[in-house]
C-alpha atoms as a PDB file:
ATOM      1  CA  MET A   1       5.737   4.261  30.290  1.00  0.00           C
ATOM      2  CA  ASN A   2       8.315   3.058  27.786  1.00  0.00           C
ATOM      3  CA  THR A   3      10.083   5.649  25.701  1.00  0.00           C
ATOM      4  CA  PRO A   4      10.909   4.635  22.137  1.00  0.00           C
ATOM      5  CA  THR A   5      14.631   4.260  21.527  1.00  0.00           C
ATOM      6  CA  GLU A   6      14.375   4.173  17.732  1.00  0.00           C
ATOM      7  CA  PRO A   7      14.208   7.379  15.710  1.00  0.00           C
ATOM      8  CA  THR A   8      10.789   8.324  14.367  1.00  0.00           C
ATOM      9  CA  GLU A   9      11.973   8.161  10.752  1.00  0.00           C
ATOM     10  CA  TYR A  10      13.093   4.562  11.185  1.00  0.00           C
ATOM     11  CA  ARG A  11       9.793   3.498  12.773  1.00  0.00           C
ATOM     12  CA  LEU A  12       7.788   5.191  10.016  1.00  0.00           C
ATOM     13  CA  ARG A  13       9.907   3.520   7.352  1.00  0.00           C
ATOM     14  CA  ARG A  14       9.333   0.100   8.912  1.00  0.00           C
ATOM     15  CA  ARG A  15       5.584   0.738   9.156  1.00  0.00           C
ATOM     16  CA  ARG A  16       5.465   1.804   5.496  1.00  0.00           C
ATOM     17  CA  ILE A  17       7.296  -1.347   4.424  1.00  0.00           C
ATOM     18  CA  LEU A  18       4.904  -3.452   6.495  1.00  0.00           C
ATOM     19  CA  ALA A  19       1.906  -1.635   4.990  1.00  0.00           C
ATOM     20  CA  PHE A  20       3.240  -2.193   1.452  1.00  0.00           C
ATOM     21  CA  THR A  21       3.866  -5.895   2.075  1.00  0.00           C
ATOM     22  CA  THR A  22       0.447  -6.389   3.648  1.00  0.00           C
ATOM     23  CA  ALA A  23      -1.282  -4.515   0.825  1.00  0.00           C
ATOM     24  CA  MET A  24       0.405  -6.629  -1.839  1.00  0.00           C
ATOM     25  CA  ILE A  25      -0.478  -9.846  -0.004  1.00  0.00           C
ATOM     26  CA  MET A  26      -4.112  -8.765   0.482  1.00  0.00           C
ATOM     27  CA  SER A  27      -4.566  -7.732  -3.123  1.00  0.00           C
ATOM     28  CA  GLY A  28      -2.486 -10.657  -4.392  1.00  0.00           C
ATOM     29  CA  ALA A  29      -4.780 -13.154  -2.697  1.00  0.00           C
ATOM     30  CA  VAL A  30      -7.558 -11.877  -4.950  1.00  0.00           C
ATOM     31  CA  PHE A  31      -5.705 -11.224  -8.199  1.00  0.00           C
ATOM     32  CA  ALA A  32      -2.814 -13.718  -8.325  1.00  0.00           C
ATOM     33  CA  PRO A  33      -4.953 -16.776  -9.195  1.00  0.00           C
ATOM     34  CA  TRP A  34      -6.819 -14.740 -11.788  1.00  0.00           C
ATOM     35  CA  LEU A  35      -3.552 -13.535 -13.334  1.00  0.00           C
ATOM     36  CA  TRP A  36      -2.177 -17.069 -13.365  1.00  0.00           C
ATOM     37  CA  SER A  37      -5.210 -18.416 -15.215  1.00  0.00           C
ATOM     38  CA  LEU A  38      -4.985 -15.593 -17.762  1.00  0.00           C
ATOM     39  CA  TYR A  39      -1.277 -16.290 -18.218  1.00  0.00           C
ATOM     40  CA  GLN A  40      -1.971 -19.990 -18.791  1.00  0.00           C
ATOM     41  CA  GLY A  41      -4.685 -19.077 -21.295  1.00  0.00           C
ATOM     42  CA  GLY A  42      -2.372 -16.747 -23.214  1.00  0.00           C
ATOM     43  CA  SER A  43      -4.564 -13.653 -22.913  1.00  0.00           C
ATOM     44  CA  VAL A  44      -2.024 -10.812 -22.915  1.00  0.00           C
ATOM     45  CA  PHE A  45      -4.509  -7.927 -23.077  1.00  0.00           C
ATOM     46  CA  PHE A  46      -6.593  -9.115 -20.134  1.00  0.00           C
ATOM     47  CA  LEU A  47      -3.436 -10.100 -18.258  1.00  0.00           C
ATOM     48  CA  LEU A  48      -2.235  -6.481 -18.396  1.00  0.00           C
ATOM     49  CA  PHE A  49      -5.707  -5.193 -17.548  1.00  0.00           C
ATOM     50  CA  VAL A  50      -5.969  -7.384 -14.420  1.00  0.00           C
ATOM     51  CA  ALA A  51      -2.381  -6.521 -13.433  1.00  0.00           C
ATOM     52  CA  LEU A  52      -3.363  -2.836 -13.426  1.00  0.00           C
ATOM     53  CA  PHE A  53      -6.371  -3.672 -11.251  1.00  0.00           C
ATOM     54  CA  TRP A  54      -4.036  -5.511  -8.876  1.00  0.00           C
ATOM     55  CA  LEU A  55      -1.787  -2.452  -8.589  1.00  0.00           C
ATOM     56  CA  ALA A  56      -4.798  -0.175  -8.054  1.00  0.00           C
ATOM     57  CA  LEU A  57      -6.181  -2.324  -5.254  1.00  0.00           C
ATOM     58  CA  GLY A  58      -2.693  -2.628  -3.751  1.00  0.00           C
ATOM     59  CA  ARG A  59      -2.358   1.173  -3.784  1.00  0.00           C
ATOM     60  CA  PHE A  60      -5.760   1.529  -2.099  1.00  0.00           C
ATOM     61  CA  CYS A  61      -4.823  -0.966   0.617  1.00  0.00           C
ATOM     62  CA  TYR A  62      -1.468   0.759   1.129  1.00  0.00           C
ATOM     63  CA  GLN A  63      -3.150   4.154   1.600  1.00  0.00           C
ATOM     64  CA  TRP A  64      -5.535   2.530   4.038  1.00  0.00           C
ATOM     65  CA  LEU A  65      -2.785   0.864   6.112  1.00  0.00           C
ATOM     66  CA  ALA A  66       0.145   3.289   5.860  1.00  0.00           C
ATOM     67  CA  PRO A  67       0.895   5.714   8.683  1.00  0.00           C
ATOM     68  CA  ALA A  68      -0.116   9.328   8.221  1.00  0.00           C
ATOM     69  CA  GLN A  69       2.418  11.916   7.091  1.00  0.00           C
ATOM     70  CA  ALA A  70       3.642  14.235   9.825  1.00  0.00           C
ATOM     71  CA  ASN A  71       3.625  17.997   9.383  1.00  0.00           C
ATOM     72  CA  GLN A  72       6.333  20.347  10.676  1.00  0.00           C
ATOM     73  CA  ASN A  73       4.957  20.144  14.228  1.00  0.00           C
ATOM     74  CA  GLY A  74       5.316  16.356  14.217  1.00  0.00           C
ATOM     75  CA  ARG A  75       1.572  15.741  14.231  1.00  0.00           C
ATOM     76  CA  PRO A  76      -0.157  13.533  11.625  1.00  0.00           C
ATOM     77  CA  GLU A  77      -1.705  15.398   8.741  1.00  0.00           C
ATOM     78  CA  ALA A  78      -4.448  14.419   6.316  1.00  0.00           C
ATOM     79  CA  ALA A  79      -3.534  13.844   2.686  1.00  0.00           C
ATOM     80  CA  ARG A  80      -6.045  16.416   1.438  1.00  0.00           C
ATOM     81  CA  GLU A  81      -5.585  20.168   1.548  1.00  0.00           C
ATOM     82  CA  GLU A  82      -7.806  22.506   3.491  1.00  0.00           C
ATOM     83  CA  ASP A  83      -9.796  25.069   1.443  1.00  0.00           C
ATOM     84  CA  GLN A  84      -9.446  28.266   3.398  1.00  0.00           C
END
């Protein structure tokens, strides 16, 4: 079995950057043509509205693809808190 030579922080940082890039590409494939047509039409209000939708979908995709946060024991932890 191969042991990783890179520090865990570095690997997590690379995975987060990859998740961000992938999320922006996925959401951009949907919203970029729409934004471009609104820009060409001169609709500033709807341009801002669709840009916010693009960021919201990008954030959703990022949360879906990004690695989980690790707790103090080094194990992944859910984003929500336990009610106990």
